Amino acid sequence: MAAQSSTSIANRALQMVGAASIMSLTDNSAEARAANNCYDACRRAELRAHSWNFARKRALLAASATAPLFGYSYSFPLPTDCLYVELTNDWDSDWLVEARAILTNSGNSPVSADPPSGTVLALTYIADLEDPTLFDPIFCELVSARMAVEMVERLTQSSQKAQAMQAKYKQILDQATATNAFEQLAQDPPEDDWIVARGFG
């Protein structure tokens, strides 16, 4: 069985559309140009859109030597391959993602490492995974369906096929996210301060 590749993902998309297959994304053909134009954007968009188990990474972030000008005490630069910061049960302080960094008033969120107090931040995140051999097979199918939606009108000039591709994409998305959810424990959201203060938490 051939390994998953950007070309195999593109060819699956072209098959969905009813277009000719390609040998490479760099082929000199309308099909290859259409696939090459949307492959990377579709891959990155789908990775960021959901909390994929196969693309999850962990990192310990060092605080920047330069603190935010106001509002927060610490700035933790994100890993270069971070597409999406995950929220876990351990996040218990205010924070936000701004300019490729996490701004927060506490170094104890989500998990503090030695030395404590604002110098290190433990993080789980969804990475900008580029190697198709590491993709979940159903994610490959999802990217193919997303590409088919992007390419169908350009390659077929058929609004009917475009509608069919939208429906197929939605069907595969539902299946992919459901399968992904079965392979992880449910995450409870952080406790609401109003609820905790009133004894309901």
N, C-alpha and C. Protein backbone atom coordinates (compact mmCIF):
# COMPACT_ATOMS: atom_id res chain seq x y z
N MET A 1 0.83 -1.19 0.00
CA MET A 1 0.00 0.00 0.00
C MET A 1 0.87 1.25 0.00
N ALA A 2 0.60 2.19 -0.91
CA ALA A 2 1.40 3.40 -1.02
C ALA A 2 1.19 4.28 0.20
N ALA A 3 2.27 4.96 0.61
CA ALA A 3 2.19 5.87 1.75
C ALA A 3 1.34 7.08 1.40
N GLN A 4 0.72 7.65 2.42
CA GLN A 4 -0.04 8.88 2.24
C GLN A 4 0.92 9.98 1.80
N SER A 5 0.48 10.82 0.88
CA SER A 5 1.30 11.93 0.41
C SER A 5 0.39 13.07 -0.01
N SER A 6 0.99 14.23 -0.22
CA SER A 6 0.21 15.36 -0.70
C SER A 6 -0.40 15.05 -2.06
N THR A 7 0.32 14.27 -2.88
CA THR A 7 -0.20 13.91 -4.20
C THR A 7 -1.39 12.96 -4.09
N SER A 8 -1.30 12.00 -3.17
CA SER A 8 -2.42 11.06 -3.02
C SER A 8 -3.65 11.77 -2.47
N ILE A 9 -3.46 12.73 -1.57
CA ILE A 9 -4.58 13.51 -1.04
C ILE A 9 -5.21 14.34 -2.16
N ALA A 10 -4.35 14.94 -2.99
CA ALA A 10 -4.84 15.74 -4.12
C ALA A 10 -5.59 14.86 -5.12
N ASN A 11 -5.07 13.68 -5.40
CA ASN A 11 -5.72 12.80 -6.37
C ASN A 11 -7.07 12.30 -5.86
N ARG A 12 -7.18 12.12 -4.57
CA ARG A 12 -8.48 11.74 -4.01
C ARG A 12 -9.47 12.88 -4.20
N ALA A 13 -9.02 14.12 -4.02
CA ALA A 13 -9.88 15.29 -4.25
C ALA A 13 -10.29 15.36 -5.72
N LEU A 14 -9.36 15.14 -6.60
CA LEU A 14 -9.66 15.18 -8.03
C LEU A 14 -10.62 14.06 -8.42
N GLN A 15 -10.48 12.91 -7.77
CA GLN A 15 -11.41 11.81 -8.02
C GLN A 15 -12.82 12.20 -7.59
N MET A 16 -12.94 12.86 -6.43
CA MET A 16 -14.25 13.31 -5.97
C MET A 16 -14.89 14.26 -6.98
N VAL A 17 -14.07 15.12 -7.55
CA VAL A 17 -14.56 16.11 -8.51
C VAL A 17 -14.88 15.49 -9.86
N GLY A 18 -14.23 14.36 -10.16
CA GLY A 18 -14.38 13.73 -11.47
C GLY A 18 -13.37 14.24 -12.47
N ALA A 19 -12.21 14.71 -11.97
CA ALA A 19 -11.15 15.24 -12.83
C ALA A 19 -10.02 14.23 -12.97
N ALA A 20 -9.13 14.50 -13.91
CA ALA A 20 -8.00 13.61 -14.16
C ALA A 20 -7.01 13.65 -13.01
N SER A 21 -6.36 12.52 -12.75
CA SER A 21 -5.36 12.45 -11.68
C SER A 21 -4.04 13.06 -12.15
N ILE A 22 -3.15 13.28 -11.21
CA ILE A 22 -1.86 13.91 -11.50
C ILE A 22 -0.73 13.03 -10.98
N MET A 23 0.47 13.28 -11.47
CA MET A 23 1.66 12.58 -10.97
C MET A 23 2.29 13.35 -9.82
N SER A 24 2.13 14.69 -9.83
CA SER A 24 2.73 15.54 -8.82
C SER A 24 1.97 16.86 -8.77
N LEU A 25 2.03 17.53 -7.63
CA LEU A 25 1.40 18.84 -7.50
C LEU A 25 2.07 19.88 -8.40
N THR A 26 3.26 19.57 -8.88
CA THR A 26 3.98 20.52 -9.74
C THR A 26 3.81 20.21 -11.22
N ASP A 27 2.94 19.26 -11.55
CA ASP A 27 2.65 18.97 -12.96
C ASP A 27 2.15 20.23 -13.67
N ASN A 28 2.40 20.28 -14.98
CA ASN A 28 1.91 21.40 -15.78
C ASN A 28 0.54 21.05 -16.36
N SER A 29 -0.46 21.07 -15.48
CA SER A 29 -1.83 20.77 -15.90
C SER A 29 -2.78 21.59 -15.06
N ALA A 30 -3.99 21.78 -15.58
CA ALA A 30 -4.99 22.55 -14.84
C ALA A 30 -5.31 21.89 -13.51
N GLU A 31 -5.36 20.55 -13.50
CA GLU A 31 -5.69 19.81 -12.28
C GLU A 31 -4.60 20.01 -11.22
N ALA A 32 -3.33 19.91 -11.63
CA ALA A 32 -2.23 20.06 -10.68
C ALA A 32 -2.15 21.49 -10.15
N ARG A 33 -2.35 22.45 -11.02
CA ARG A 33 -2.30 23.85 -10.58
C ARG A 33 -3.43 24.14 -9.58
N ALA A 34 -4.62 23.63 -9.86
CA ALA A 34 -5.75 23.84 -8.94
C ALA A 34 -5.47 23.20 -7.59
N ALA A 35 -4.93 21.98 -7.61
CA ALA A 35 -4.64 21.26 -6.37
C ALA A 35 -3.51 21.93 -5.59
N ASN A 36 -2.49 22.35 -6.31
CA ASN A 36 -1.33 22.97 -5.67
C ASN A 36 -1.72 24.30 -5.02
N ASN A 37 -2.65 25.01 -5.64
CA ASN A 37 -3.08 26.31 -5.13
C ASN A 37 -3.83 26.20 -3.80
N CYS A 38 -4.50 25.08 -3.56
CA CYS A 38 -5.33 25.00 -2.36
C CYS A 38 -4.88 23.96 -1.34
N TYR A 39 -3.92 23.08 -1.68
CA TYR A 39 -3.56 22.00 -0.76
C TYR A 39 -3.10 22.52 0.59
N ASP A 40 -2.11 23.39 0.60
CA ASP A 40 -1.54 23.80 1.88
C ASP A 40 -2.53 24.62 2.69
N ALA A 41 -3.28 25.48 2.04
CA ALA A 41 -4.27 26.28 2.76
C ALA A 41 -5.35 25.40 3.39
N CYS A 42 -5.80 24.38 2.64
CA CYS A 42 -6.82 23.47 3.18
C CYS A 42 -6.26 22.64 4.33
N ARG A 43 -5.03 22.16 4.18
CA ARG A 43 -4.39 21.38 5.25
C ARG A 43 -4.31 22.19 6.53
N ARG A 44 -3.81 23.40 6.45
CA ARG A 44 -3.64 24.24 7.64
C ARG A 44 -4.98 24.65 8.25
N ALA A 45 -5.94 24.96 7.40
CA ALA A 45 -7.25 25.36 7.90
C ALA A 45 -7.93 24.23 8.65
N GLU A 46 -7.84 23.02 8.13
CA GLU A 46 -8.47 21.87 8.80
C GLU A 46 -7.73 21.49 10.07
N LEU A 47 -6.42 21.64 10.10
CA LEU A 47 -5.68 21.38 11.33
C LEU A 47 -6.09 22.35 12.43
N ARG A 48 -6.23 23.61 12.07
CA ARG A 48 -6.57 24.62 13.08
C ARG A 48 -8.02 24.55 13.54
N ALA A 49 -8.87 24.01 12.70
CA ALA A 49 -10.31 24.05 12.98
C ALA A 49 -10.74 23.09 14.08
N HIS A 50 -9.93 22.05 14.36
CA HIS A 50 -10.36 21.03 15.31
C HIS A 50 -9.18 20.55 16.15
N SER A 51 -9.49 19.97 17.30
CA SER A 51 -8.46 19.48 18.21
C SER A 51 -8.07 18.06 17.84
N TRP A 52 -7.26 17.92 16.80
CA TRP A 52 -6.90 16.60 16.28
C TRP A 52 -5.88 15.91 17.17
N ASN A 53 -6.18 14.68 17.56
CA ASN A 53 -5.28 13.93 18.43
C ASN A 53 -3.92 13.69 17.79
N PHE A 54 -3.90 13.39 16.49
CA PHE A 54 -2.65 13.04 15.83
C PHE A 54 -1.71 14.24 15.68
N ALA A 55 -2.25 15.45 15.75
CA ALA A 55 -1.44 16.66 15.54
C ALA A 55 -1.11 17.37 16.84
N ARG A 56 -1.46 16.78 17.98
CA ARG A 56 -1.24 17.43 19.27
C ARG A 56 0.22 17.29 19.71
N LYS A 57 0.75 18.38 20.25
CA LYS A 57 2.10 18.38 20.82
C LYS A 57 2.06 19.03 22.20
N ARG A 58 3.14 18.81 22.95
CA ARG A 58 3.30 19.43 24.26
C ARG A 58 4.61 20.21 24.28
N ALA A 59 4.61 21.30 25.02
CA ALA A 59 5.82 22.12 25.10
C ALA A 59 5.86 22.85 26.43
N LEU A 60 7.08 23.14 26.90
CA LEU A 60 7.30 24.01 28.04
C LEU A 60 7.80 25.34 27.50
N LEU A 61 7.02 26.39 27.72
CA LEU A 61 7.35 27.70 27.17
C LEU A 61 8.09 28.54 28.20
N ALA A 62 9.16 29.18 27.77
CA ALA A 62 9.90 30.10 28.63
C ALA A 62 9.30 31.49 28.49
N ALA A 63 9.21 32.19 29.59
CA ALA A 63 8.68 33.56 29.55
C ALA A 63 9.63 34.48 28.81
N SER A 64 9.06 35.40 28.07
CA SER A 64 9.87 36.40 27.38
C SER A 64 10.52 37.33 28.39
N ALA A 65 11.70 37.82 28.05
CA ALA A 65 12.38 38.77 28.93
C ALA A 65 11.65 40.11 28.96
N THR A 66 10.82 40.35 27.94
CA THR A 66 10.06 41.59 27.87
C THR A 66 8.60 41.32 28.22
N ALA A 67 8.14 41.91 29.30
CA ALA A 67 6.75 41.74 29.73
C ALA A 67 5.83 42.59 28.87
N PRO A 68 4.54 42.23 28.79
CA PRO A 68 3.58 43.08 28.07
C PRO A 68 3.56 44.49 28.65
N LEU A 69 3.23 45.47 27.81
CA LEU A 69 3.21 46.86 28.25
C LEU A 69 2.21 47.10 29.36
N PHE A 70 1.08 46.40 29.30
CA PHE A 70 0.06 46.57 30.34
C PHE A 70 -0.90 45.38 30.28
N GLY A 71 -1.66 45.20 31.36
CA GLY A 71 -2.73 44.22 31.39
C GLY A 71 -2.33 42.83 31.83
N TYR A 72 -1.10 42.42 31.53
CA TYR A 72 -0.63 41.07 31.88
C TYR A 72 0.80 41.15 32.37
N SER A 73 1.17 40.17 33.19
CA SER A 73 2.50 40.16 33.79
C SER A 73 3.54 39.43 32.94
N TYR A 74 3.08 38.43 32.17
CA TYR A 74 4.03 37.59 31.44
C TYR A 74 3.60 37.38 29.99
N SER A 75 4.61 37.19 29.16
CA SER A 75 4.39 36.84 27.76
C SER A 75 5.19 35.58 27.45
N PHE A 76 4.49 34.55 26.96
CA PHE A 76 5.15 33.29 26.63
C PHE A 76 5.06 33.07 25.11
N PRO A 77 6.15 33.26 24.37
CA PRO A 77 6.12 33.07 22.92
C PRO A 77 5.71 31.64 22.55
N LEU A 78 4.82 31.53 21.56
CA LEU A 78 4.34 30.23 21.13
C LEU A 78 5.39 29.49 20.30
N PRO A 79 5.33 28.15 20.28
CA PRO A 79 6.19 27.40 19.37
C PRO A 79 5.93 27.83 17.92
N THR A 80 6.96 27.77 17.10
CA THR A 80 6.82 28.23 15.71
C THR A 80 5.80 27.43 14.93
N ASP A 81 5.57 26.18 15.32
CA ASP A 81 4.62 25.34 14.58
C ASP A 81 3.22 25.30 15.21
N CYS A 82 2.96 26.18 16.17
CA CYS A 82 1.65 26.17 16.85
C CYS A 82 0.59 26.80 15.96
N LEU A 83 -0.47 26.03 15.69
CA LEU A 83 -1.62 26.54 14.95
C LEU A 83 -2.79 26.87 15.87
N TYR A 84 -2.89 26.14 16.98
CA TYR A 84 -4.06 26.32 17.85
C TYR A 84 -3.68 25.95 19.28
N VAL A 85 -3.91 26.87 20.22
CA VAL A 85 -3.65 26.62 21.63
C VAL A 85 -4.84 25.90 22.23
N GLU A 86 -4.60 24.76 22.86
CA GLU A 86 -5.68 24.00 23.47
C GLU A 86 -5.94 24.50 24.89
N LEU A 87 -7.19 24.46 25.28
CA LEU A 87 -7.60 24.81 26.63
C LEU A 87 -7.78 23.51 27.41
N THR A 88 -7.14 23.40 28.57
CA THR A 88 -7.24 22.19 29.37
C THR A 88 -7.85 22.51 30.74
N ASN A 89 -8.14 21.46 31.49
CA ASN A 89 -8.74 21.61 32.82
C ASN A 89 -7.88 22.45 33.75
N ASP A 90 -6.56 22.48 33.50
CA ASP A 90 -5.65 23.13 34.43
C ASP A 90 -5.56 24.64 34.26
N TRP A 91 -6.14 25.17 33.19
CA TRP A 91 -6.10 26.63 33.00
C TRP A 91 -7.02 27.28 34.03
N ASP A 92 -6.44 28.04 34.93
CA ASP A 92 -7.26 28.64 35.98
C ASP A 92 -7.03 30.14 36.11
N SER A 93 -6.35 30.76 35.17
CA SER A 93 -6.16 32.21 35.23
C SER A 93 -6.51 32.83 33.89
N ASP A 94 -6.62 34.14 33.90
CA ASP A 94 -6.92 34.84 32.66
C ASP A 94 -5.72 34.76 31.71
N TRP A 95 -6.00 34.65 30.44
CA TRP A 95 -4.95 34.56 29.43
C TRP A 95 -5.55 34.88 28.07
N LEU A 96 -4.68 35.20 27.13
CA LEU A 96 -5.10 35.35 25.74
C LEU A 96 -3.91 35.13 24.84
N VAL A 97 -4.22 34.80 23.58
CA VAL A 97 -3.18 34.65 22.56
C VAL A 97 -3.13 35.95 21.79
N GLU A 98 -1.94 36.54 21.75
CA GLU A 98 -1.77 37.82 21.06
C GLU A 98 -0.38 37.86 20.43
N ALA A 99 -0.33 38.16 19.14
CA ALA A 99 0.94 38.33 18.43
C ALA A 99 1.88 37.15 18.67
N ARG A 100 1.35 35.94 18.48
CA ARG A 100 2.14 34.70 18.59
C ARG A 100 2.72 34.50 19.99
N ALA A 101 1.98 34.90 21.01
CA ALA A 101 2.40 34.66 22.40
C ALA A 101 1.17 34.51 23.27
N ILE A 102 1.34 33.81 24.40
CA ILE A 102 0.29 33.72 25.41
C ILE A 102 0.59 34.77 26.47
N LEU A 103 -0.35 35.67 26.68
CA LEU A 103 -0.23 36.67 27.73
C LEU A 103 -1.05 36.22 28.93
N THR A 104 -0.46 36.27 30.10
CA THR A 104 -1.15 35.81 31.30
C THR A 104 -0.56 36.49 32.53
N ASN A 105 -1.27 36.44 33.64
CA ASN A 105 -0.77 36.98 34.90
C ASN A 105 -0.18 35.90 35.79
N SER A 106 -0.16 34.66 35.32
CA SER A 106 0.32 33.56 36.14
C SER A 106 1.17 32.62 35.33
N GLY A 107 2.26 32.16 35.94
CA GLY A 107 3.08 31.12 35.32
C GLY A 107 2.63 29.74 35.75
N ASN A 108 1.53 29.68 36.48
CA ASN A 108 1.04 28.39 36.96
C ASN A 108 -0.09 27.86 36.11
N SER A 109 -0.30 28.41 34.93
CA SER A 109 -1.36 27.97 34.04
C SER A 109 -0.76 27.59 32.70
N PRO A 110 -1.07 26.40 32.18
CA PRO A 110 -1.89 25.38 32.81
C PRO A 110 -1.14 24.56 33.86
N VAL A 111 0.18 24.40 33.71
CA VAL A 111 0.97 23.62 34.66
C VAL A 111 2.29 24.33 34.85
N SER A 112 2.66 24.58 36.08
CA SER A 112 3.93 25.23 36.35
C SER A 112 5.03 24.20 36.50
N ALA A 113 6.21 24.53 36.00
CA ALA A 113 7.37 23.66 36.16
C ALA A 113 8.41 24.41 36.98
N ASP A 114 9.41 23.68 37.48
CA ASP A 114 10.46 24.33 38.27
C ASP A 114 11.36 25.15 37.35
N PRO A 115 11.75 26.36 37.74
CA PRO A 115 11.29 27.07 38.95
C PRO A 115 9.90 27.62 38.75
N PRO A 116 9.12 27.75 39.82
CA PRO A 116 7.73 28.18 39.68
C PRO A 116 7.60 29.69 39.50
N SER A 117 6.35 30.12 39.45
CA SER A 117 5.97 31.53 39.46
C SER A 117 6.39 32.29 38.22
N GLY A 118 5.70 31.99 37.11
CA GLY A 118 5.77 32.87 35.97
C GLY A 118 6.94 32.73 35.05
N THR A 119 7.76 31.70 35.17
CA THR A 119 8.91 31.57 34.28
C THR A 119 8.71 30.51 33.22
N VAL A 120 7.90 29.50 33.49
CA VAL A 120 7.69 28.40 32.55
C VAL A 120 6.20 28.10 32.46
N LEU A 121 5.72 27.86 31.25
CA LEU A 121 4.32 27.53 31.03
C LEU A 121 4.23 26.25 30.23
N ALA A 122 3.53 25.25 30.76
CA ALA A 122 3.34 24.00 30.04
C ALA A 122 2.10 24.13 29.16
N LEU A 123 2.20 23.58 27.97
CA LEU A 123 1.19 23.85 26.96
C LEU A 123 0.95 22.62 26.09
N THR A 124 -0.31 22.35 25.76
CA THR A 124 -0.62 21.43 24.68
C THR A 124 -1.21 22.25 23.54
N TYR A 125 -0.84 21.87 22.31
CA TYR A 125 -1.28 22.65 21.16
C TYR A 125 -1.38 21.77 19.92
N ILE A 126 -2.09 22.28 18.92
CA ILE A 126 -2.19 21.60 17.63
C ILE A 126 -1.11 22.17 16.73
N ALA A 127 -0.28 21.28 16.20
CA ALA A 127 0.89 21.70 15.42
C ALA A 127 0.58 21.79 13.93
N ASP A 128 1.33 22.62 13.26
CA ASP A 128 1.26 22.75 11.80
C ASP A 128 2.00 21.57 11.18
N LEU A 129 1.35 20.41 11.25
CA LEU A 129 1.96 19.15 10.82
C LEU A 129 1.97 19.09 9.30
N GLU A 130 3.15 18.94 8.70
CA GLU A 130 3.29 18.96 7.25
C GLU A 130 3.47 17.58 6.63
N ASP A 131 3.95 16.62 7.39
CA ASP A 131 4.25 15.29 6.86
C ASP A 131 2.96 14.47 6.73
N PRO A 132 2.49 14.22 5.50
CA PRO A 132 1.23 13.49 5.32
C PRO A 132 1.25 12.07 5.86
N THR A 133 2.44 11.47 6.00
CA THR A 133 2.50 10.11 6.52
C THR A 133 2.09 10.05 7.99
N LEU A 134 2.06 11.22 8.66
CA LEU A 134 1.66 11.28 10.07
C LEU A 134 0.19 11.62 10.25
N PHE A 135 -0.52 11.91 9.15
CA PHE A 135 -1.92 12.27 9.24
C PHE A 135 -2.78 11.04 9.53
N ASP A 136 -3.85 11.24 10.29
CA ASP A 136 -4.87 10.21 10.42
C ASP A 136 -5.52 10.02 9.04
N PRO A 137 -5.78 8.76 8.63
CA PRO A 137 -6.37 8.54 7.30
C PRO A 137 -7.67 9.30 7.07
N ILE A 138 -8.50 9.44 8.09
CA ILE A 138 -9.76 10.15 7.88
C ILE A 138 -9.53 11.65 7.76
N PHE A 139 -8.42 12.15 8.32
CA PHE A 139 -8.07 13.55 8.12
C PHE A 139 -7.64 13.77 6.67
N CYS A 140 -6.94 12.82 6.09
CA CYS A 140 -6.58 12.90 4.67
C CYS A 140 -7.84 13.02 3.82
N GLU A 141 -8.84 12.21 4.16
CA GLU A 141 -10.09 12.24 3.42
C GLU A 141 -10.77 13.60 3.59
N LEU A 142 -10.67 14.17 4.78
CA LEU A 142 -11.28 15.47 5.04
C LEU A 142 -10.59 16.57 4.22
N VAL A 143 -9.27 16.55 4.20
CA VAL A 143 -8.54 17.54 3.41
C VAL A 143 -8.87 17.40 1.93
N SER A 144 -8.98 16.15 1.47
CA SER A 144 -9.36 15.91 0.07
C SER A 144 -10.73 16.51 -0.22
N ALA A 145 -11.68 16.31 0.69
CA ALA A 145 -13.03 16.84 0.49
C ALA A 145 -13.01 18.36 0.50
N ARG A 146 -12.22 18.96 1.39
CA ARG A 146 -12.09 20.43 1.43
C ARG A 146 -11.50 20.94 0.12
N MET A 147 -10.49 20.25 -0.39
CA MET A 147 -9.88 20.62 -1.67
C MET A 147 -10.89 20.49 -2.81
N ALA A 148 -11.69 19.43 -2.77
CA ALA A 148 -12.70 19.23 -3.81
C ALA A 148 -13.68 20.39 -3.85
N VAL A 149 -14.08 20.86 -2.66
CA VAL A 149 -14.98 22.02 -2.59
C VAL A 149 -14.33 23.24 -3.23
N GLU A 150 -13.04 23.42 -2.96
CA GLU A 150 -12.33 24.59 -3.49
C GLU A 150 -12.13 24.51 -5.01
N MET A 151 -11.93 23.29 -5.54
CA MET A 151 -11.55 23.13 -6.94
C MET A 151 -12.70 22.88 -7.90
N VAL A 152 -13.84 22.43 -7.38
CA VAL A 152 -14.86 21.84 -8.24
C VAL A 152 -15.37 22.79 -9.33
N GLU A 153 -15.67 24.02 -8.95
CA GLU A 153 -16.20 24.93 -9.97
C GLU A 153 -15.15 25.32 -10.98
N ARG A 154 -13.93 25.49 -10.51
CA ARG A 154 -12.84 25.84 -11.42
C ARG A 154 -12.60 24.75 -12.46
N LEU A 155 -12.72 23.50 -12.04
CA LEU A 155 -12.41 22.38 -12.93
C LEU A 155 -13.61 21.86 -13.71
N THR A 156 -14.82 22.08 -13.19
CA THR A 156 -15.99 21.48 -13.84
C THR A 156 -17.02 22.50 -14.32
N GLN A 157 -16.98 23.73 -13.79
CA GLN A 157 -17.99 24.75 -14.10
C GLN A 157 -19.41 24.22 -13.84
N SER A 158 -19.55 23.39 -12.82
CA SER A 158 -20.83 22.79 -12.51
C SER A 158 -21.26 23.18 -11.11
N SER A 159 -22.34 23.97 -11.01
CA SER A 159 -22.86 24.35 -9.69
C SER A 159 -23.48 23.15 -8.99
N GLN A 160 -23.99 22.20 -9.76
CA GLN A 160 -24.59 20.99 -9.18
C GLN A 160 -23.51 20.16 -8.48
N LYS A 161 -22.34 20.01 -9.15
CA LYS A 161 -21.25 19.27 -8.52
C LYS A 161 -20.72 20.02 -7.30
N ALA A 162 -20.73 21.34 -7.36
CA ALA A 162 -20.28 22.14 -6.21
C ALA A 162 -21.15 21.87 -4.99
N GLN A 163 -22.45 21.80 -5.18
CA GLN A 163 -23.36 21.51 -4.08
C GLN A 163 -23.13 20.10 -3.54
N ALA A 164 -22.87 19.16 -4.44
CA ALA A 164 -22.61 17.78 -4.03
C ALA A 164 -21.33 17.69 -3.21
N MET A 165 -20.31 18.46 -3.60
CA MET A 165 -19.04 18.44 -2.86
C MET A 165 -19.20 19.06 -1.48
N GLN A 166 -20.02 20.11 -1.37
CA GLN A 166 -20.29 20.71 -0.06
C GLN A 166 -20.93 19.69 0.87
N ALA A 167 -21.89 18.94 0.37
CA ALA A 167 -22.57 17.93 1.18
C ALA A 167 -21.61 16.82 1.58
N LYS A 168 -20.74 16.42 0.65
CA LYS A 168 -19.78 15.35 0.94
C LYS A 168 -18.78 15.80 1.99
N TYR A 169 -18.33 17.05 1.86
CA TYR A 169 -17.39 17.60 2.84
C TYR A 169 -18.01 17.59 4.24
N LYS A 170 -19.25 18.04 4.34
CA LYS A 170 -19.93 18.07 5.65
C LYS A 170 -20.06 16.66 6.23
N GLN A 171 -20.36 15.68 5.39
CA GLN A 171 -20.50 14.30 5.85
C GLN A 171 -19.17 13.77 6.38
N ILE A 172 -18.10 14.02 5.66
CA ILE A 172 -16.78 13.53 6.09
C ILE A 172 -16.32 14.28 7.33
N LEU A 173 -16.61 15.58 7.42
CA LEU A 173 -16.24 16.36 8.60
C LEU A 173 -16.92 15.79 9.85
N ASP A 174 -18.19 15.49 9.76
CA ASP A 174 -18.91 14.93 10.91
C ASP A 174 -18.30 13.59 11.33
N GLN A 175 -17.96 12.77 10.35
CA GLN A 175 -17.38 11.46 10.65
C GLN A 175 -15.99 11.62 11.28
N ALA A 176 -15.18 12.52 10.73
CA ALA A 176 -13.82 12.70 11.21
C ALA A 176 -13.79 13.24 12.63
N THR A 177 -14.61 14.24 12.92
CA THR A 177 -14.62 14.82 14.26
C THR A 177 -15.19 13.85 15.29
N ALA A 178 -16.16 13.04 14.89
CA ALA A 178 -16.72 12.05 15.80
C ALA A 178 -15.68 10.98 16.12
N THR A 179 -14.97 10.50 15.11
CA THR A 179 -13.92 9.50 15.32
C THR A 179 -12.82 10.05 16.21
N ASN A 180 -12.42 11.29 15.98
CA ASN A 180 -11.38 11.92 16.79
C ASN A 180 -11.82 12.05 18.24
N ALA A 181 -13.10 12.38 18.46
CA ALA A 181 -13.61 12.57 19.82
C ALA A 181 -13.63 11.26 20.60
N PHE A 182 -13.84 10.13 19.92
CA PHE A 182 -13.87 8.84 20.60
C PHE A 182 -12.51 8.45 21.17
N GLU A 183 -11.44 9.08 20.68
CA GLU A 183 -10.10 8.70 21.09
C GLU A 183 -9.51 9.63 22.14
N GLN A 184 -10.37 10.39 22.83
CA GLN A 184 -9.89 11.23 23.92
C GLN A 184 -10.98 11.36 24.96
N LEU A 185 -10.57 11.59 26.21
CA LEU A 185 -11.52 11.83 27.28
C LEU A 185 -12.13 13.21 27.11
N ALA A 186 -13.38 13.35 27.53
CA ALA A 186 -14.02 14.66 27.47
C ALA A 186 -13.31 15.63 28.40
N GLN A 187 -13.15 16.87 27.92
CA GLN A 187 -12.51 17.91 28.72
C GLN A 187 -13.57 18.81 29.33
N ASP A 188 -13.52 18.98 30.66
CA ASP A 188 -14.44 19.91 31.31
C ASP A 188 -13.91 21.33 31.13
N PRO A 189 -14.78 22.30 30.89
CA PRO A 189 -14.32 23.69 30.78
C PRO A 189 -13.86 24.20 32.13
N PRO A 190 -13.04 25.27 32.16
CA PRO A 190 -12.64 25.84 33.45
C PRO A 190 -13.86 26.28 34.24
N GLU A 191 -13.77 26.19 35.58
CA GLU A 191 -14.90 26.56 36.42
C GLU A 191 -15.16 28.07 36.34
N ASP A 192 -16.43 28.41 36.26
CA ASP A 192 -16.83 29.81 36.21
C ASP A 192 -16.75 30.40 37.61
N ASP A 193 -16.09 31.58 37.73
CA ASP A 193 -15.91 32.20 39.05
C ASP A 193 -17.23 32.49 39.73
N TRP A 194 -18.26 32.89 38.98
CA TRP A 194 -19.57 33.20 39.55
C TRP A 194 -20.18 31.96 40.17
N ILE A 195 -20.06 30.81 39.47
CA ILE A 195 -20.61 29.56 39.98
C ILE A 195 -19.86 29.09 41.23
N VAL A 196 -18.52 29.17 41.18
CA VAL A 196 -17.71 28.73 42.32
C VAL A 196 -18.01 29.58 43.55
N ALA A 197 -18.12 30.90 43.36
CA ALA A 197 -18.36 31.82 44.48
C ALA A 197 -19.68 31.53 45.18
N ARG A 198 -20.62 30.94 44.47
CA ARG A 198 -21.93 30.66 45.05
C ARG A 198 -22.09 29.21 45.48
N GLY A 199 -20.97 28.48 45.47
CA GLY A 199 -21.00 27.14 46.01
C GLY A 199 -21.55 26.07 45.10
N PHE A 200 -21.69 26.39 43.79
CA PHE A 200 -22.23 25.39 42.86
C PHE A 200 -21.13 24.59 42.18
N GLY A 201 -19.86 25.04 42.27
CA GLY A 201 -18.77 24.39 41.56
C GLY A 201 -18.25 23.20 42.31
